[in-house]
C-alpha atoms as a PDB file:
ATOM      1  CA  LEU A   1     111.150 184.459 132.126  1.00  0.00           C
ATOM      2  CA  GLN A   2     108.509 186.672 133.520  1.00  0.00           C
ATOM      3  CA  ASN A   3     105.457 183.440 133.093  1.00  0.00           C
ATOM      4  CA  ARG A   4     105.814 184.464 129.338  1.00  0.00           C
ATOM      5  CA  PHE A   5     106.024 180.334 128.868  1.00  0.00           C
ATOM      6  CA  PRO A   6     102.255 179.353 128.189  1.00  0.00           C
ATOM      7  CA  THR A   7     102.329 176.854 130.601  1.00  0.00           C
ATOM      8  CA  ASP A   8      98.838 175.600 132.353  1.00  0.00           C
ATOM      9  CA  ASN A   9      98.709 178.525 134.649  1.00  0.00           C
ATOM     10  CA  GLN A  10      99.139 181.323 132.297  1.00  0.00           C
ATOM     11  CA  LEU A  11      97.122 179.784 129.499  1.00  0.00           C
ATOM     12  CA  ARG A  12      93.897 179.632 132.251  1.00  0.00           C
ATOM     13  CA  ALA A  13      94.981 183.332 133.458  1.00  0.00           C
ATOM     14  CA  ARG A  14      94.205 184.283 130.170  1.00  0.00           C
ATOM     15  CA  GLY A  15      91.039 182.533 129.782  1.00  0.00           C
ATOM     16  CA  MET A  16      91.003 179.100 128.481  1.00  0.00           C
ATOM     17  CA  ALA A  17      89.435 176.510 130.490  1.00  0.00           C
ATOM     18  CA  LEU A  18      91.504 173.616 131.511  1.00  0.00           C
ATOM     19  CA  VAL A  19      93.037 171.740 134.504  1.00  0.00           C
ATOM     20  CA  SER A  20      96.440 172.519 135.132  1.00  0.00           C
ATOM     21  CA  VAL A  21      98.302 169.541 136.222  1.00  0.00           C
ATOM     22  CA  CYS A  22     102.502 169.263 135.027  1.00  0.00           C
ATOM     23  CA  GLY A  23     103.175 166.978 132.480  1.00  0.00           C
ATOM     24  CA  LEU A  24     106.406 166.018 134.374  1.00  0.00           C
ATOM     25  CA  CYS A  25     105.298 164.587 137.173  1.00  0.00           C
ATOM     26  CA  GLY A  26     101.667 165.185 137.092  1.00  0.00           C
ATOM     27  CA  LEU A  27     101.687 165.773 140.868  1.00  0.00           C
ATOM     28  CA  PHE A  28     101.406 170.017 141.056  1.00  0.00           C
ATOM     29  CA  GLU A  29      99.886 172.749 138.690  1.00  0.00           C
ATOM     30  CA  GLU A  30     101.983 173.555 136.090  1.00  0.00           C
ATOM     31  CA  SER A  31     103.911 176.769 135.887  1.00  0.00           C
ATOM     32  CA  SER A  32     107.325 178.405 135.049  1.00  0.00           C
ATOM     33  CA  LYS A  33     108.385 177.935 138.847  1.00  0.00           C
ATOM     34  CA  HIS A  34     107.253 174.221 139.404  1.00  0.00           C
ATOM     35  CA  LEU A  35     108.511 173.560 135.368  1.00  0.00           C
ATOM     36  CA  PHE A  36     112.091 174.688 135.887  1.00  0.00           C
ATOM     37  CA  LEU A  37     112.665 174.695 139.568  1.00  0.00           C
ATOM     38  CA  THR A  38     110.494 172.414 141.998  1.00  0.00           C
ATOM     39  CA  CYS A  39     109.447 169.641 139.767  1.00  0.00           C
ATOM     40  CA  ASP A  40     111.492 166.297 140.975  1.00  0.00           C
ATOM     41  CA  PHE A  41     111.763 165.431 137.441  1.00  0.00           C
ATOM     42  CA  ALA A  42     113.521 168.998 137.084  1.00  0.00           C
ATOM     43  CA  ARG A  43     115.296 168.913 140.062  1.00  0.00           C
ATOM     44  CA  SER A  44     117.079 165.770 139.174  1.00  0.00           C
ATOM     45  CA  LEU A  45     117.985 167.346 135.386  1.00  0.00           C
ATOM     46  CA  TRP A  46     119.367 170.567 137.477  1.00  0.00           C
ATOM     47  CA  ILE A  47     121.466 168.078 139.341  1.00  0.00           C
ATOM     48  CA  TRP A  48     122.702 165.944 137.026  1.00  0.00           C
ATOM     49  CA  LEU A  49     123.921 168.776 134.433  1.00  0.00           C
ATOM     50  CA  GLN A  50     125.357 170.083 137.680  1.00  0.00           C
ATOM     51  CA  HIS A  51     127.609 166.968 137.682  1.00  0.00           C
ATOM     52  CA  VAL A  52     128.201 166.580 133.585  1.00  0.00           C
ATOM     53  CA  LEU A  53     129.346 170.360 133.875  1.00  0.00           C
ATOM     54  CA  ASN A  54     131.194 170.036 136.552  1.00  0.00           C
ATOM     55  CA  LEU A  55     130.117 173.514 138.309  1.00  0.00           C
ATOM     56  CA  PRO A  56     128.067 174.190 140.954  1.00  0.00           C
ATOM     57  CA  LEU A  57     124.305 175.440 140.329  1.00  0.00           C
ATOM     58  CA  ASP A  58     122.565 177.126 141.979  1.00  0.00           C
ATOM     59  CA  VAL A  59     118.524 177.060 140.647  1.00  0.00           C
ATOM     60  CA  SER A  60     116.758 178.356 143.810  1.00  0.00           C
ATOM     61  CA  SER A  61     115.061 180.673 142.169  1.00  0.00           C
ATOM     62  CA  MET A  62     113.968 182.281 138.908  1.00  0.00           C
ATOM     63  CA  ILE A  63     116.527 184.975 139.102  1.00  0.00           C
ATOM     64  CA  SER A  64     120.004 182.370 139.059  1.00  0.00           C
ATOM     65  CA  LEU A  65     118.174 180.282 136.464  1.00  0.00           C
ATOM     66  CA  PHE A  66     117.502 183.321 134.501  1.00  0.00           C
ATOM     67  CA  LEU A  67     121.373 184.545 135.025  1.00  0.00           C
ATOM     68  CA  ILE A  68     122.427 180.826 134.260  1.00  0.00           C
ATOM     69  CA  LEU A  69     120.440 180.881 130.885  1.00  0.00           C
ATOM     70  CA  ASN A  70     121.765 184.118 129.961  1.00  0.00           C
ATOM     71  CA  LYS A  71     125.772 183.410 130.705  1.00  0.00           C
ATOM     72  CA  GLY A  72     125.453 180.411 128.088  1.00  0.00           C
END
């Protein structure tokens, strides 16, 4: 993922003036890690996918997430 998503923290790093807040939970700074791994909404989605697909998913890091996405 290499910080290529236009998350709030990436846009701020590129000079945009904005307050960074997750659009899903509204609690924490929006970053790729938060959006895909640590946001309560994302965690719930991963748990749901794990049950639907009947697969053990390890999404504890961006690397494991990248590997999961590239297998499909």
